[in-house]
């Protein structure tokens, strides 16, 4: 079935990702997932919410160039999300682009959310370590057994102190292949899309209600973020769990991801069930149109043909009540019904006269001789 889909622009280095890049990743992932339940598997990713609600579609008369008066900027606010494979979302961690952090920027937001700032507005090593200590460590301390964290391989996300805490709490870490997060990151694949669509709706309404503001007031951002998360709360599990599934993590199935790569050739071992072939061979009958060995001027009596046909020993027909192919073929047919229906149709349309006439015609007998018989 064909559908109209939006085209996503990706860099050439991302488009060049091939199956070989994922070979070591899935080998490491296979060993890391050993004896780890979904509630102990976590994926984290950093994203941003832009100060731009985007365009929308409306109906206008032809030759009209529609415009919408609304203040937008190129600014954005970074947020770290962490999702567990069984469908829960950990507290968010927001980073503002600022020298100082004001109290009004941190109130009226989502429950247990944390806030910080940096000069660039992105996560550096110090901010990432604070996120790890304040969000990941409390999550890991509540769980028994080994834990697995899946994330990108940015150098700012690792240091000696973090590695030491990983080892103390039996936390395993698996890096995603470079330039592949658009297909291998569970949050990227299934969660951020619905989240940002809802963000654009909330931001549009905010700008309509506050037309004088040229950009998002950071004091209002926690409230906007809370509205977005509350609106997507009912679909969190529905978006998080499929993200881990389509990336081949939970359940572990590399084929789910590798099928998306243009250079990947799936090795399919198809098995063919020979039940139907054996049935057809066992019930195959000889050609009913047989050639006679008569003299050129001899004739044939119809009763002789009838007696000859009934006296022949025919092969016993075994009717199978049902024949099923292998599960991969999804094929099924009831041969008993098909055989009986064919037999009924043959009886309705075929008479003894037609059988004998066909037999004699194929034997090059004259019509006159046949009619006299």
Protein backbone atom coordinates (compact mmCIF):
# COMPACT_ATOMS: atom_id res chain seq x y z
CA UNK A 1 0.00 0.00 0.00
CA UNK A 2 1.31 3.45 -0.93
CA UNK A 3 1.06 6.41 1.44
CA UNK A 4 2.24 10.01 1.46
CA UNK A 5 5.06 10.45 3.97
CA UNK A 6 7.13 13.43 5.01
CA UNK A 7 10.77 13.28 3.90
CA UNK A 8 13.42 13.73 6.58
CA UNK A 9 16.69 15.41 5.67
CA UNK A 10 19.81 13.65 6.96
CA UNK A 11 23.50 14.29 6.48
CA UNK A 12 25.54 12.27 4.02
CA UNK A 13 27.54 10.63 6.83
CA UNK A 14 24.29 9.33 8.29
CA UNK A 15 23.09 8.11 4.89
CA UNK A 16 26.39 6.25 4.47
CA UNK A 17 25.73 4.05 7.51
CA UNK A 18 25.85 0.38 6.51
CA UNK A 19 25.37 -3.04 8.04
CA UNK A 20 29.07 -3.46 8.86
CA UNK A 21 28.87 -0.51 11.25
CA UNK A 22 26.32 -2.39 13.35
CA UNK A 23 28.09 -5.74 13.51
CA UNK A 24 30.18 -5.00 16.61
CA UNK A 25 27.36 -3.00 18.17
CA UNK A 26 24.90 -5.90 18.13
CA UNK A 27 27.52 -8.36 19.31
CA UNK A 28 28.24 -6.15 22.34
CA UNK A 29 24.53 -5.55 22.86
CA UNK A 30 23.78 -9.28 22.81
CA UNK A 31 26.26 -9.97 25.62
CA UNK A 32 25.24 -6.86 27.59
CA UNK A 33 21.54 -7.80 27.55
CA UNK A 34 22.19 -11.19 29.11
CA UNK A 35 19.92 -11.71 32.15
CA UNK A 36 18.73 -8.09 32.20
CA UNK A 37 14.94 -7.45 32.40
CA UNK A 38 13.36 -4.53 30.46
CA UNK A 39 12.90 -2.48 33.65
CA UNK A 40 16.71 -2.37 34.00
CA UNK A 41 17.38 -1.16 30.43
CA UNK A 42 17.57 2.59 29.86
CA UNK A 43 18.13 4.85 26.88
CA UNK A 44 19.00 8.51 27.24
CA UNK A 45 19.19 11.26 24.64
CA UNK A 46 19.47 15.01 24.53
CA UNK A 47 17.10 17.04 22.39
CA UNK A 48 15.95 20.64 22.11
CA UNK A 49 12.63 22.43 21.96
CA UNK A 50 12.82 25.30 19.49
CA UNK A 51 11.18 28.71 19.76
CA UNK A 52 9.38 28.16 16.49
CA UNK A 53 5.95 26.52 16.18
CA UNK A 54 6.52 25.80 12.49
CA UNK A 55 4.08 26.20 9.64
CA UNK A 56 0.54 24.92 9.35
CA UNK A 57 -1.90 24.17 6.53
CA UNK A 58 -5.10 26.12 5.90
CA UNK A 59 -7.58 26.49 3.05
CA UNK A 60 -7.38 29.68 0.96
CA UNK A 61 -8.46 30.95 -2.41
CA UNK A 62 -6.11 30.43 -5.30
CA UNK A 63 -3.34 32.97 -5.94
CA UNK A 64 -3.23 33.87 -2.24
CA UNK A 65 0.08 33.75 -0.38
CA UNK A 66 -0.98 33.15 3.25
CA UNK A 67 1.07 34.50 6.15
CA UNK A 68 0.74 34.23 9.90
CA UNK A 69 1.88 37.03 12.19
CA UNK A 70 3.77 35.37 15.03
CA UNK A 71 7.10 36.12 16.73
CA UNK A 72 9.69 33.36 16.39
CA UNK A 73 13.42 33.08 17.03
CA UNK A 74 16.21 30.59 16.34
CA UNK A 75 16.65 29.95 20.05
CA UNK A 76 16.08 26.58 21.69
CA UNK A 77 16.27 24.96 25.11
CA UNK A 78 18.04 21.64 25.68
CA UNK A 79 16.45 18.80 27.61
CA UNK A 80 17.81 15.39 28.55
CA UNK A 81 15.29 12.57 28.43
CA UNK A 82 15.79 9.07 29.81
CA UNK A 83 13.34 6.24 29.10
CA UNK A 84 13.19 2.71 30.46
CA UNK A 85 12.41 -0.20 28.11
CA UNK A 86 9.25 -1.23 29.96
CA UNK A 87 7.67 2.17 29.21
CA UNK A 88 8.46 4.71 31.96
CA UNK A 89 10.10 8.12 31.67
CA UNK A 90 12.63 9.41 34.20
CA UNK A 91 12.53 13.06 35.40
CA UNK A 92 13.56 15.57 32.74
CA UNK A 93 16.73 17.66 32.99
CA UNK A 94 16.59 21.12 31.34
CA UNK A 95 19.63 23.22 30.45
CA UNK A 96 19.22 26.95 29.73
CA UNK A 97 21.68 29.03 27.79
CA UNK A 98 22.70 31.53 30.48
CA UNK A 99 25.45 32.55 32.88
CA UNK A 100 23.23 32.23 35.95
CA UNK A 101 20.19 30.17 36.93
CA UNK A 102 17.18 32.02 38.31
CA UNK A 103 14.63 30.51 40.65
CA UNK A 104 11.69 31.60 38.49
CA UNK A 105 13.07 29.42 35.68
CA UNK A 106 12.66 26.28 37.80
CA UNK A 107 9.10 26.42 39.21
CA UNK A 108 5.70 25.23 37.96
CA UNK A 109 7.30 22.53 35.85
CA UNK A 110 7.01 18.73 35.65
CA UNK A 111 7.26 16.69 38.82
CA UNK A 112 10.85 16.03 39.99
CA UNK A 113 12.26 17.90 36.97
CA UNK A 114 15.74 19.40 37.32
CA UNK A 115 17.21 22.56 35.78
CA UNK A 116 20.70 23.83 35.04
CA UNK A 117 22.50 26.26 32.72
CA UNK A 118 25.60 26.43 30.54
CA UNK A 119 27.20 29.04 28.31
CA UNK A 120 26.46 27.10 25.15
CA UNK A 121 23.02 25.90 26.20
CA UNK A 122 24.10 22.30 25.58
CA UNK A 123 25.30 19.50 27.85
CA UNK A 124 28.99 19.72 28.68
CA UNK A 125 30.92 17.26 30.88
CA UNK A 126 30.05 19.04 34.15
CA UNK A 127 26.35 19.25 33.34
CA UNK A 128 26.25 15.64 32.16
CA UNK A 129 27.89 14.43 35.37
CA UNK A 130 25.35 16.36 37.44
CA UNK A 131 22.54 14.77 35.43
CA UNK A 132 24.06 11.34 35.97
CA UNK A 133 24.38 11.84 39.74
CA UNK A 134 20.92 13.35 40.21
CA UNK A 135 18.84 11.23 37.81
CA UNK A 136 20.62 7.98 36.90
CA UNK A 137 22.11 7.08 40.29
CA UNK A 138 18.75 7.27 42.14
CA UNK A 139 17.16 5.13 39.41
CA UNK A 140 19.92 2.51 39.57
CA UNK A 141 19.94 2.33 43.37
CA UNK A 142 16.29 1.23 43.39
CA UNK A 143 16.96 -1.79 41.16
CA UNK A 144 18.52 -5.17 41.83
CA UNK A 145 20.83 -6.98 39.47
CA UNK A 146 22.74 -5.61 36.48
CA UNK A 147 21.55 -2.51 34.63
CA UNK A 148 22.18 -1.47 31.04
CA UNK A 149 22.40 2.12 29.75
CA UNK A 150 22.37 2.76 26.01
CA UNK A 151 23.50 6.12 24.64
CA UNK A 152 25.68 7.96 22.16
CA UNK A 153 29.46 8.04 22.34
CA UNK A 154 30.04 11.74 23.01
CA UNK A 155 33.27 12.30 24.92
CA UNK A 156 31.52 14.75 27.25
CA UNK A 157 29.31 11.93 28.50
CA UNK A 158 32.09 9.91 30.12
CA UNK A 159 34.81 10.52 32.68
CA UNK A 160 36.68 8.54 35.32
CA UNK A 161 34.19 9.32 38.08
CA UNK A 162 31.20 8.19 36.02
CA UNK A 163 32.93 4.94 34.97
CA UNK A 164 33.76 4.20 38.61
CA UNK A 165 30.12 4.68 39.64
CA UNK A 166 29.03 2.43 36.79
CA UNK A 167 31.17 -0.37 38.16
CA UNK A 168 30.04 0.14 41.75
CA UNK A 169 26.37 -0.20 40.81
CA UNK A 170 26.75 -2.99 38.28
CA UNK A 171 25.78 -0.73 35.39
CA UNK A 172 26.73 -1.81 31.89
CA UNK A 173 27.10 0.74 29.11
CA UNK A 174 26.63 0.27 25.37
CA UNK A 175 27.52 2.98 22.85
CA UNK A 176 25.42 3.44 19.74
CA UNK A 177 27.31 3.41 16.42
CA UNK A 178 28.41 6.88 15.25
CA UNK A 179 26.03 8.79 12.94
CA UNK A 180 23.27 6.23 13.42
CA UNK A 181 21.06 7.59 16.18
CA UNK A 182 18.31 8.43 13.68
CA UNK A 183 17.63 4.68 13.32
CA UNK A 184 19.27 3.11 16.41
CA UNK A 185 18.23 5.47 19.23
CA UNK A 186 14.86 4.38 20.72
CA UNK A 187 13.95 7.90 21.84
CA UNK A 188 14.81 9.35 18.43
CA UNK A 189 12.85 6.72 16.54
CA UNK A 190 9.53 6.70 18.42
CA UNK A 191 9.35 9.26 21.23
CA UNK A 192 10.69 12.64 20.11
CA UNK A 193 8.42 12.86 17.06
CA UNK A 194 5.10 12.86 18.96
CA UNK A 195 6.68 15.00 21.71
CA UNK A 196 7.73 17.77 19.34
CA UNK A 197 4.44 17.75 17.47
CA UNK A 198 2.67 18.36 20.77
CA UNK A 199 5.28 21.02 21.65
CA UNK A 200 4.50 22.98 18.49
CA UNK A 201 0.80 22.94 19.36
CA UNK A 202 1.43 24.18 22.91
CA UNK A 203 3.90 26.81 21.71
CA UNK A 204 1.47 28.10 19.09
CA UNK A 205 -1.21 28.63 21.68
CA UNK A 206 1.31 30.31 24.00
CA UNK A 207 2.33 32.80 21.32
CA UNK A 208 -1.29 33.52 20.45
CA UNK A 209 -1.98 34.27 24.12
CA UNK A 210 1.19 36.37 24.47
CA UNK A 211 1.60 38.28 21.17
CA UNK A 212 3.86 40.93 22.71
CA UNK A 213 6.63 38.49 23.66
CA UNK A 214 9.39 38.26 21.06
CA UNK A 215 10.72 34.98 22.45
CA UNK A 216 9.88 32.38 25.08
CA UNK A 217 10.11 33.75 28.59
CA UNK A 218 12.24 31.25 30.52
CA UNK A 219 9.97 31.76 33.53
CA UNK A 220 7.13 30.27 31.47
CA UNK A 221 9.10 27.40 29.97
CA UNK A 222 8.63 24.92 32.88
CA UNK A 223 4.87 25.43 32.63
CA UNK A 224 4.96 24.81 28.86
CA UNK A 225 7.09 21.70 29.31
CA UNK A 226 4.67 20.39 31.92
CA UNK A 227 1.75 20.91 29.54
CA UNK A 228 3.54 18.96 26.80
CA UNK A 229 4.43 16.03 29.06
CA UNK A 230 0.93 15.87 30.51
CA UNK A 231 -0.54 15.85 27.00
CA UNK A 232 1.72 12.95 25.97
CA UNK A 233 1.44 11.07 29.27
CA UNK A 234 -1.19 8.66 27.96
CA UNK A 235 1.04 7.73 25.01
CA UNK A 236 4.39 7.53 26.79
CA UNK A 237 4.37 3.74 27.04
CA UNK A 238 2.88 3.40 23.58
CA UNK A 239 5.81 5.38 22.14
CA UNK A 240 8.68 4.23 24.37
CA UNK A 241 8.21 0.45 24.09
CA UNK A 242 7.95 0.44 20.25
CA UNK A 243 11.14 2.52 20.15
CA UNK A 244 13.10 -0.26 21.85
CA UNK A 245 11.39 -2.83 19.63
CA UNK A 246 12.04 -1.29 16.20
CA UNK A 247 15.69 -0.66 17.09
CA UNK A 248 16.16 -4.36 17.86
CA UNK A 249 16.94 -3.92 21.56
CA UNK A 250 13.91 -5.28 23.46
CA UNK A 251 13.22 -7.93 22.37
CA UNK A 252 16.67 -8.48 20.90
CA UNK A 253 16.25 -8.70 17.13
CA UNK A 254 18.92 -7.03 14.96
CA UNK A 255 16.88 -7.71 11.81
CA UNK A 256 14.35 -5.04 12.84
CA UNK A 257 17.01 -2.36 12.43
CA UNK A 258 19.18 -3.86 9.71
CA UNK A 259 16.23 -4.05 7.29
CA UNK A 260 16.27 -0.25 7.13
CA UNK A 261 19.79 -0.17 5.65
CA UNK A 262 19.91 -0.03 1.83
CA UNK A 263 22.94 -2.33 1.56
CA UNK A 264 21.57 -5.04 3.83
CA UNK A 265 20.52 -8.31 2.24
CA UNK A 266 18.45 -10.41 4.58
CA UNK A 267 19.30 -14.08 4.62
CA UNK A 268 15.97 -15.87 4.33
CA UNK A 269 15.89 -19.64 4.67
CA UNK A 270 12.53 -20.53 3.18
CA UNK A 271 11.21 -24.07 3.64
CA UNK A 272 8.66 -25.50 1.23
CA UNK A 273 6.11 -27.98 2.52
CA UNK A 274 5.84 -30.86 0.06
CA UNK A 275 2.43 -32.06 1.30
CA UNK A 276 0.54 -30.69 -1.68
CA UNK A 277 3.10 -31.99 -4.17
CA UNK A 278 2.95 -35.47 -2.65
CA UNK A 279 -0.84 -35.39 -2.81
CA UNK A 280 -0.90 -34.40 -6.48
CA UNK A 281 1.63 -37.08 -7.40
CA UNK A 282 -0.26 -39.79 -5.50
CA UNK A 283 -3.57 -38.93 -7.16
CA UNK A 284 -2.35 -38.25 -10.68
CA UNK A 285 -4.41 -40.21 -13.25
CA UNK A 286 -3.48 -41.13 -16.81
CA UNK A 287 -4.81 -39.19 -19.76
CA UNK A 288 -8.43 -40.41 -20.36
CA UNK A 289 -8.14 -39.82 -24.14
CA UNK A 290 -6.55 -43.03 -25.42
CA UNK A 291 -5.69 -44.08 -28.93
CA UNK A 292 -7.28 -47.30 -30.31
CA UNK A 293 -5.49 -49.96 -32.31
CA UNK A 294 -8.18 -50.69 -34.93
CA UNK A 295 -7.81 -51.52 -38.58
CA UNK A 296 -8.34 -48.57 -40.94
CA UNK A 297 -11.77 -49.81 -42.08
CA UNK A 298 -12.97 -51.19 -38.74
CA UNK A 299 -15.57 -49.58 -36.51
CA UNK A 300 -16.08 -49.44 -32.77
CA UNK A 301 -19.22 -50.03 -30.74
CA UNK A 302 -20.07 -47.56 -27.97
CA UNK A 303 -20.83 -50.33 -25.45
CA UNK A 304 -17.36 -51.74 -25.98
CA UNK A 305 -15.87 -48.35 -25.13
CA UNK A 306 -18.01 -48.05 -21.99
CA UNK A 307 -17.09 -51.54 -20.79
CA UNK A 308 -13.43 -50.86 -21.45
CA UNK A 309 -13.49 -47.64 -19.43
CA UNK A 310 -15.18 -49.29 -16.43
CA UNK A 311 -13.00 -52.37 -16.52
CA UNK A 312 -9.75 -50.42 -16.19
CA UNK A 313 -8.18 -50.56 -12.76
CA UNK A 314 -7.84 -46.96 -11.65
CA UNK A 315 -5.51 -45.74 -8.98
CA UNK A 316 -7.08 -45.26 -5.58
CA UNK A 317 -7.67 -41.61 -4.71
CA UNK A 318 -6.95 -40.50 -1.18
CA UNK A 319 -8.68 -37.23 -0.35
CA UNK A 320 -6.98 -35.15 2.29
CA UNK A 321 -9.34 -33.24 4.54
CA UNK A 322 -6.95 -30.31 4.69
CA UNK A 323 -3.42 -29.48 3.63
CA UNK A 324 -1.35 -26.81 5.34
CA UNK A 325 1.84 -25.30 4.09
CA UNK A 326 4.70 -24.12 6.29
CA UNK A 327 3.79 -21.21 8.63
CA UNK A 328 5.98 -18.79 6.66
CA UNK A 329 3.85 -19.26 3.54
CA UNK A 330 0.50 -18.59 5.27
CA UNK A 331 -1.19 -20.78 2.65
CA UNK A 332 -4.14 -23.08 3.29
CA UNK A 333 -6.53 -24.98 1.09
CA UNK A 334 -9.21 -27.57 1.69
CA UNK A 335 -8.53 -30.10 -1.06
CA UNK A 336 -11.53 -32.24 -0.19
CA UNK A 337 -13.99 -29.46 -0.94
CA UNK A 338 -12.09 -28.48 -4.06
CA UNK A 339 -12.05 -32.08 -5.38
CA UNK A 340 -15.76 -32.71 -4.73
CA UNK A 341 -16.77 -29.43 -6.36
CA UNK A 342 -14.70 -30.23 -9.44
CA UNK A 343 -16.29 -33.68 -9.63
CA UNK A 344 -19.81 -32.23 -9.42
CA UNK A 345 -19.08 -29.74 -12.19
CA UNK A 346 -17.72 -32.55 -14.37
CA UNK A 347 -20.86 -34.66 -13.91
CA UNK A 348 -23.13 -31.74 -14.79
CA UNK A 349 -21.35 -30.82 -18.01
CA UNK A 350 -20.21 -34.22 -19.28
CA UNK A 351 -22.36 -37.03 -20.70
CA UNK A 352 -21.44 -40.51 -21.80
CA UNK A 353 -22.17 -39.50 -25.37
CA UNK A 354 -19.64 -36.69 -25.21
CA UNK A 355 -16.99 -38.96 -23.67
CA UNK A 356 -17.42 -41.60 -26.39
CA UNK A 357 -17.58 -39.01 -29.15
CA UNK A 358 -14.37 -37.41 -27.95
CA UNK A 359 -12.74 -40.81 -27.73
CA UNK A 360 -13.76 -41.81 -31.25
CA UNK A 361 -12.86 -38.47 -32.78
CA UNK A 362 -9.37 -38.72 -31.39
CA UNK A 363 -9.15 -42.19 -32.94
CA UNK A 364 -9.81 -40.73 -36.42
CA UNK A 365 -13.11 -42.62 -36.75
CA UNK A 366 -15.72 -41.40 -39.15
CA UNK A 367 -18.74 -39.55 -37.76
CA UNK A 368 -21.03 -41.67 -39.83
CA UNK A 369 -19.72 -44.92 -38.42
CA UNK A 370 -20.03 -43.49 -34.88
CA UNK A 371 -23.64 -42.45 -35.38
CA UNK A 372 -24.62 -45.81 -36.76
CA UNK A 373 -23.20 -47.46 -33.68
